[in-house]
Amino acid sequence: MFISSAYAQAAGGDTASSLFSLLPLVLMFVVLYFVMIRPQMKRQKEHKLMVEALTKGDEIISAGGILGKISKVGDIYIGVELADGVEIQMQRSAVIQVLPKGTIK
């Protein structure tokens, strides 16, 4: 019936053990950053630089798989010549790769 006061005082926590329990969560976030977030940001930066550097005459591949030669360059849209006399308009951001000159014949 009588409760010892020693049991009631044992409920206090240790701050070092609570900080140590957060360590795996922090380590997982650091690994996630270096494995997923940082490489994705690097790819986005490279794509942005490639899209800004597009010029007339570049041979490109679009996100839809269309191969063509740039015939007109605008701020948002580019004109892409697919064949003689066949030209389409597409967004600059739809370009996923610039091919070496002479690839498309």
Protein backbone atom coordinates (compact mmCIF):
# COMPACT_ATOMS: atom_id res chain seq x y z
CA MET A 1 0.00 0.00 0.00
CA PHE A 2 2.82 2.38 0.67
CA ILE A 3 4.69 3.66 -2.37
CA SER A 4 8.34 4.32 -1.94
CA SER A 5 9.47 7.82 -2.87
CA ALA A 6 12.48 6.37 -4.71
CA TYR A 7 10.22 4.99 -7.46
CA ALA A 8 8.57 8.34 -8.02
CA GLN A 9 11.90 10.08 -8.48
CA ALA A 10 13.17 7.61 -11.09
CA ALA A 11 10.97 9.11 -13.84
CA GLY A 12 13.45 11.90 -14.75
CA GLY A 13 15.17 11.58 -18.17
CA ASP A 14 18.80 11.94 -19.15
CA THR A 15 19.48 14.64 -21.78
CA ALA A 16 22.48 12.81 -23.22
CA SER A 17 20.43 9.70 -23.99
CA SER A 18 17.69 11.76 -25.66
CA LEU A 19 20.26 13.50 -27.91
CA PHE A 20 21.85 10.14 -28.70
CA SER A 21 18.46 8.78 -29.78
CA LEU A 22 18.15 11.59 -32.39
CA LEU A 23 21.53 10.74 -33.91
CA PRO A 24 20.23 8.02 -36.31
CA LEU A 25 17.57 10.40 -37.66
CA VAL A 26 20.15 13.12 -38.30
CA LEU A 27 22.51 10.63 -39.97
CA MET A 28 19.70 9.37 -42.24
CA PHE A 29 18.94 12.94 -43.35
CA VAL A 30 22.63 13.62 -44.10
CA VAL A 31 22.88 10.43 -46.19
CA LEU A 32 19.62 11.30 -48.00
CA TYR A 33 21.00 14.75 -48.82
CA PHE A 34 24.22 13.45 -50.34
CA VAL A 35 22.63 10.51 -52.17
CA MET A 36 19.44 12.10 -53.57
CA ILE A 37 19.03 15.84 -53.08
CA ARG A 38 22.49 17.11 -54.03
CA PRO A 39 22.82 15.13 -57.30
CA GLN A 40 19.32 16.22 -58.37
CA MET A 41 20.20 19.88 -57.79
CA LYS A 42 23.38 19.40 -59.83
CA ARG A 43 21.42 17.89 -62.76
CA GLN A 44 18.91 20.75 -62.65
CA LYS A 45 21.72 23.31 -62.76
CA GLU A 46 23.39 21.56 -65.71
CA HIS A 47 20.07 21.37 -67.61
CA LYS A 48 19.39 25.05 -67.01
CA LEU A 49 22.84 26.01 -68.33
CA MET A 50 22.36 23.76 -71.41
CA VAL A 51 18.94 25.28 -72.19
CA GLU A 52 20.28 28.83 -71.84
CA ALA A 53 23.16 28.03 -74.21
CA LEU A 54 20.94 26.79 -77.09
CA THR A 55 21.74 28.50 -80.39
CA LYS A 56 20.53 28.33 -83.97
CA GLY A 57 21.92 25.27 -85.74
CA ASP A 58 22.20 23.05 -82.66
CA GLU A 59 20.92 19.51 -83.10
CA ILE A 60 18.75 18.44 -80.19
CA ILE A 61 16.61 15.67 -78.72
CA SER A 62 13.37 16.70 -77.03
CA ALA A 63 11.71 15.09 -74.02
CA GLY A 64 9.26 13.41 -76.41
CA GLY A 65 12.07 11.83 -78.42
CA ILE A 66 11.94 14.22 -81.38
CA LEU A 67 15.26 14.87 -83.10
CA GLY A 68 15.73 18.11 -84.98
CA LYS A 69 17.84 21.15 -85.73
CA ILE A 70 17.10 24.50 -84.09
CA SER A 71 16.04 27.06 -86.68
CA LYS A 72 14.71 29.88 -84.47
CA VAL A 73 15.56 30.81 -80.90
CA GLY A 74 13.27 32.83 -78.63
CA ASP A 75 13.07 33.51 -74.92
CA ILE A 76 10.62 30.69 -74.12
CA TYR A 77 10.12 28.83 -77.41
CA ILE A 78 12.43 27.51 -80.09
CA GLY A 79 11.70 26.53 -83.68
CA VAL A 80 12.90 23.04 -84.52
CA GLU A 81 13.29 21.86 -88.10
CA LEU A 82 12.47 18.15 -88.32
CA ALA A 83 12.88 17.75 -92.10
CA ASP A 84 13.08 20.07 -95.10
CA GLY A 85 10.11 22.43 -94.80
CA VAL A 86 8.78 20.83 -91.58
CA GLU A 87 9.19 23.02 -88.51
CA ILE A 88 7.60 22.85 -85.06
CA GLN A 89 7.64 25.14 -82.05
CA MET A 90 8.56 23.75 -78.64
CA GLN A 91 9.51 25.04 -75.24
CA ARG A 92 13.19 25.42 -74.49
CA SER A 93 12.81 23.36 -71.32
CA ALA A 94 11.66 20.35 -73.40
CA VAL A 95 15.19 19.91 -74.76
CA ILE A 96 16.94 17.12 -72.90
CA GLN A 97 20.15 16.75 -74.90
CA VAL A 98 22.25 18.64 -77.42
CA LEU A 99 23.78 16.32 -80.01
CA PRO A 100 27.15 16.76 -81.70
CA LYS A 101 27.07 18.60 -85.03
CA GLY A 102 26.35 16.34 -88.01
CA THR A 103 24.47 13.68 -86.05
CA ILE A 104 21.18 14.29 -87.85
CA LYS A 105 21.33 13.91 -91.64
